[in-house]
Amino acid sequence: MDVTNIAKLSTSMAETGIRHEVGVSMLKKAMDIEVASAAQLIQSLPPTQNLPAHLGNTINTKA
């Protein structure tokens, strides 16, 4: 293996690492946006003050 091939391999590995880091950063940003959107949606729900205490304590999983 000559010096030019080693340099090309090194450059290629560095670019791959940078692409991976960018992808992870973009995924984290997208997840942060989704969390903020979900929180805003939950905040926009009307309060449930007039409902009986037993409602909302269980989830029906039968389809």
N, C-alpha and C. Protein backbone atom coordinates (compact mmCIF):
# COMPACT_ATOMS: atom_id res chain seq x y z
N MET A 1 0.85 -1.17 0.00
CA MET A 1 0.00 0.00 0.00
C MET A 1 0.89 1.23 0.00
N ASP A 2 0.67 2.11 -0.91
CA ASP A 2 1.52 3.30 -0.95
C ASP A 2 0.89 4.45 -0.16
N VAL A 3 1.59 5.53 -0.08
CA VAL A 3 1.20 6.68 0.75
C VAL A 3 -0.11 7.30 0.27
N THR A 4 -0.34 7.35 -1.02
CA THR A 4 -1.57 7.98 -1.52
C THR A 4 -2.80 7.16 -1.14
N ASN A 5 -2.67 5.84 -1.16
CA ASN A 5 -3.81 5.02 -0.74
C ASN A 5 -4.11 5.18 0.74
N ILE A 6 -3.07 5.30 1.54
CA ILE A 6 -3.26 5.52 2.98
C ILE A 6 -3.93 6.87 3.21
N ALA A 7 -3.52 7.88 2.50
CA ALA A 7 -4.12 9.21 2.64
C ALA A 7 -5.58 9.18 2.21
N LYS A 8 -5.89 8.49 1.12
CA LYS A 8 -7.28 8.39 0.66
C LYS A 8 -8.14 7.66 1.69
N LEU A 9 -7.62 6.58 2.26
CA LEU A 9 -8.35 5.82 3.26
C LEU A 9 -8.60 6.67 4.50
N SER A 10 -7.60 7.41 4.93
CA SER A 10 -7.74 8.27 6.10
C SER A 10 -8.79 9.35 5.86
N THR A 11 -8.76 9.96 4.69
CA THR A 11 -9.74 10.99 4.35
C THR A 11 -11.14 10.41 4.30
N SER A 12 -11.26 9.25 3.72
CA SER A 12 -12.56 8.59 3.61
C SER A 12 -13.12 8.25 4.99
N MET A 13 -12.27 7.75 5.88
CA MET A 13 -12.71 7.43 7.24
C MET A 13 -13.14 8.68 7.99
N ALA A 14 -12.42 9.77 7.81
CA ALA A 14 -12.77 11.02 8.48
C ALA A 14 -14.10 11.55 7.98
N GLU A 15 -14.34 11.47 6.67
CA GLU A 15 -15.61 11.94 6.11
C GLU A 15 -16.77 11.09 6.61
N THR A 16 -16.55 9.78 6.70
CA THR A 16 -17.60 8.89 7.20
C THR A 16 -17.95 9.23 8.64
N GLY A 17 -16.94 9.50 9.45
CA GLY A 17 -17.17 9.88 10.85
C GLY A 17 -17.95 11.17 10.96
N ILE A 18 -17.60 12.14 10.13
CA ILE A 18 -18.31 13.43 10.14
C ILE A 18 -19.76 13.24 9.70
N ARG A 19 -19.99 12.44 8.67
CA ARG A 19 -21.36 12.18 8.22
C ARG A 19 -22.17 11.52 9.32
N HIS A 20 -21.57 10.60 10.03
CA HIS A 20 -22.25 9.92 11.13
C HIS A 20 -22.61 10.93 12.23
N GLU A 21 -21.68 11.77 12.59
CA GLU A 21 -21.93 12.78 13.62
C GLU A 21 -23.05 13.73 13.21
N VAL A 22 -23.06 14.13 11.96
CA VAL A 22 -24.12 15.02 11.46
C VAL A 22 -25.46 14.31 11.51
N GLY A 23 -25.50 13.04 11.12
CA GLY A 23 -26.74 12.27 11.16
C GLY A 23 -27.28 12.14 12.58
N VAL A 24 -26.40 11.88 13.53
CA VAL A 24 -26.82 11.76 14.93
C VAL A 24 -27.33 13.11 15.45
N SER A 25 -26.65 14.17 15.09
CA SER A 25 -27.09 15.50 15.52
C SER A 25 -28.46 15.85 14.96
N MET A 26 -28.68 15.52 13.70
CA MET A 26 -29.97 15.80 13.09
C MET A 26 -31.07 14.96 13.74
N LEU A 27 -30.78 13.72 14.07
CA LEU A 27 -31.75 12.86 14.74
C LEU A 27 -32.10 13.41 16.12
N LYS A 28 -31.10 13.86 16.86
CA LYS A 28 -31.36 14.45 18.18
C LYS A 28 -32.22 15.70 18.07
N LYS A 29 -31.94 16.53 17.08
CA LYS A 29 -32.72 17.75 16.88
C LYS A 29 -34.17 17.41 16.53
N ALA A 30 -34.36 16.42 15.65
CA ALA A 30 -35.71 16.00 15.28
C ALA A 30 -36.47 15.46 16.49
N MET A 31 -35.78 14.70 17.34
CA MET A 31 -36.43 14.18 18.54
C MET A 31 -36.80 15.30 19.51
N ASP A 32 -35.95 16.31 19.64
CA ASP A 32 -36.26 17.46 20.49
C ASP A 32 -37.49 18.20 19.98
N ILE A 33 -37.59 18.35 18.68
CA ILE A 33 -38.75 19.01 18.09
C ILE A 33 -40.02 18.20 18.36
N GLU A 34 -39.93 16.87 18.23
CA GLU A 34 -41.09 16.01 18.50
C GLU A 34 -41.51 16.10 19.96
N VAL A 35 -40.56 16.15 20.87
CA VAL A 35 -40.88 16.28 22.30
C VAL A 35 -41.58 17.61 22.56
N ALA A 36 -41.09 18.67 21.97
CA ALA A 36 -41.71 19.98 22.15
C ALA A 36 -43.13 20.01 21.57
N SER A 37 -43.31 19.38 20.41
CA SER A 37 -44.63 19.34 19.79
C SER A 37 -45.60 18.54 20.64
N ALA A 38 -45.15 17.41 21.18
CA ALA A 38 -46.02 16.59 22.03
C ALA A 38 -46.39 17.34 23.31
N ALA A 39 -45.44 18.04 23.90
CA ALA A 39 -45.71 18.81 25.11
C ALA A 39 -46.72 19.91 24.83
N GLN A 40 -46.58 20.57 23.69
CA GLN A 40 -47.51 21.63 23.32
C GLN A 40 -48.91 21.05 23.10
N LEU A 41 -49.00 19.90 22.48
CA LEU A 41 -50.29 19.25 22.24
C LEU A 41 -50.95 18.88 23.56
N ILE A 42 -50.18 18.35 24.50
CA ILE A 42 -50.73 17.99 25.81
C ILE A 42 -51.22 19.23 26.55
N GLN A 43 -50.46 20.30 26.46
CA GLN A 43 -50.86 21.55 27.13
C GLN A 43 -52.13 22.14 26.53
N SER A 44 -52.39 21.85 25.26
CA SER A 44 -53.57 22.43 24.62
C SER A 44 -54.86 21.67 24.94
N LEU A 45 -54.75 20.50 25.58
CA LEU A 45 -55.94 19.74 25.94
C LEU A 45 -56.71 20.47 27.04
N PRO A 46 -58.04 20.44 26.96
CA PRO A 46 -58.83 21.11 28.00
C PRO A 46 -58.73 20.33 29.32
N PRO A 47 -58.86 21.03 30.44
CA PRO A 47 -58.81 20.34 31.73
C PRO A 47 -60.03 19.42 31.90
N THR A 48 -59.87 18.38 32.67
CA THR A 48 -60.94 17.40 32.89
C THR A 48 -61.40 17.45 34.34
N GLN A 49 -61.89 18.57 34.77
CA GLN A 49 -62.25 18.75 36.18
C GLN A 49 -63.59 18.10 36.53
N ASN A 50 -64.51 17.97 35.61
CA ASN A 50 -65.84 17.48 35.92
C ASN A 50 -66.01 15.98 35.71
N LEU A 51 -64.94 15.25 35.47
CA LEU A 51 -65.04 13.82 35.25
C LEU A 51 -64.93 13.05 36.56
N PRO A 52 -65.59 11.89 36.63
CA PRO A 52 -65.47 11.05 37.84
C PRO A 52 -64.02 10.60 38.05
N ALA A 53 -63.67 10.30 39.29
CA ALA A 53 -62.29 9.98 39.64
C ALA A 53 -61.81 8.67 39.02
N HIS A 54 -62.73 7.74 38.72
CA HIS A 54 -62.31 6.44 38.20
C HIS A 54 -61.97 6.47 36.70
N LEU A 55 -62.33 7.53 36.01
CA LEU A 55 -62.04 7.60 34.58
C LEU A 55 -60.58 7.97 34.34
N GLY A 56 -59.99 7.32 33.35
CA GLY A 56 -58.61 7.61 32.97
C GLY A 56 -57.57 6.85 33.74
N ASN A 57 -57.97 5.90 34.58
CA ASN A 57 -57.02 5.13 35.38
C ASN A 57 -56.59 3.83 34.70
N THR A 58 -57.33 3.36 33.71
CA THR A 58 -57.00 2.11 33.03
C THR A 58 -57.01 2.30 31.53
N ILE A 59 -56.36 1.38 30.83
CA ILE A 59 -56.33 1.40 29.37
C ILE A 59 -56.92 0.08 28.87
N ASN A 60 -57.90 0.16 28.00
CA ASN A 60 -58.49 -1.02 27.39
C ASN A 60 -57.63 -1.44 26.20
N THR A 61 -57.05 -2.62 26.32
CA THR A 61 -56.13 -3.07 25.28
C THR A 61 -56.76 -4.06 24.31
N LYS A 62 -58.03 -4.36 24.44
CA LYS A 62 -58.70 -5.28 23.53
C LYS A 62 -59.10 -4.55 22.26
N ALA A 63 -58.85 -5.18 21.15
CA ALA A 63 -59.18 -4.53 19.88
C ALA A 63 -60.35 -5.22 19.24
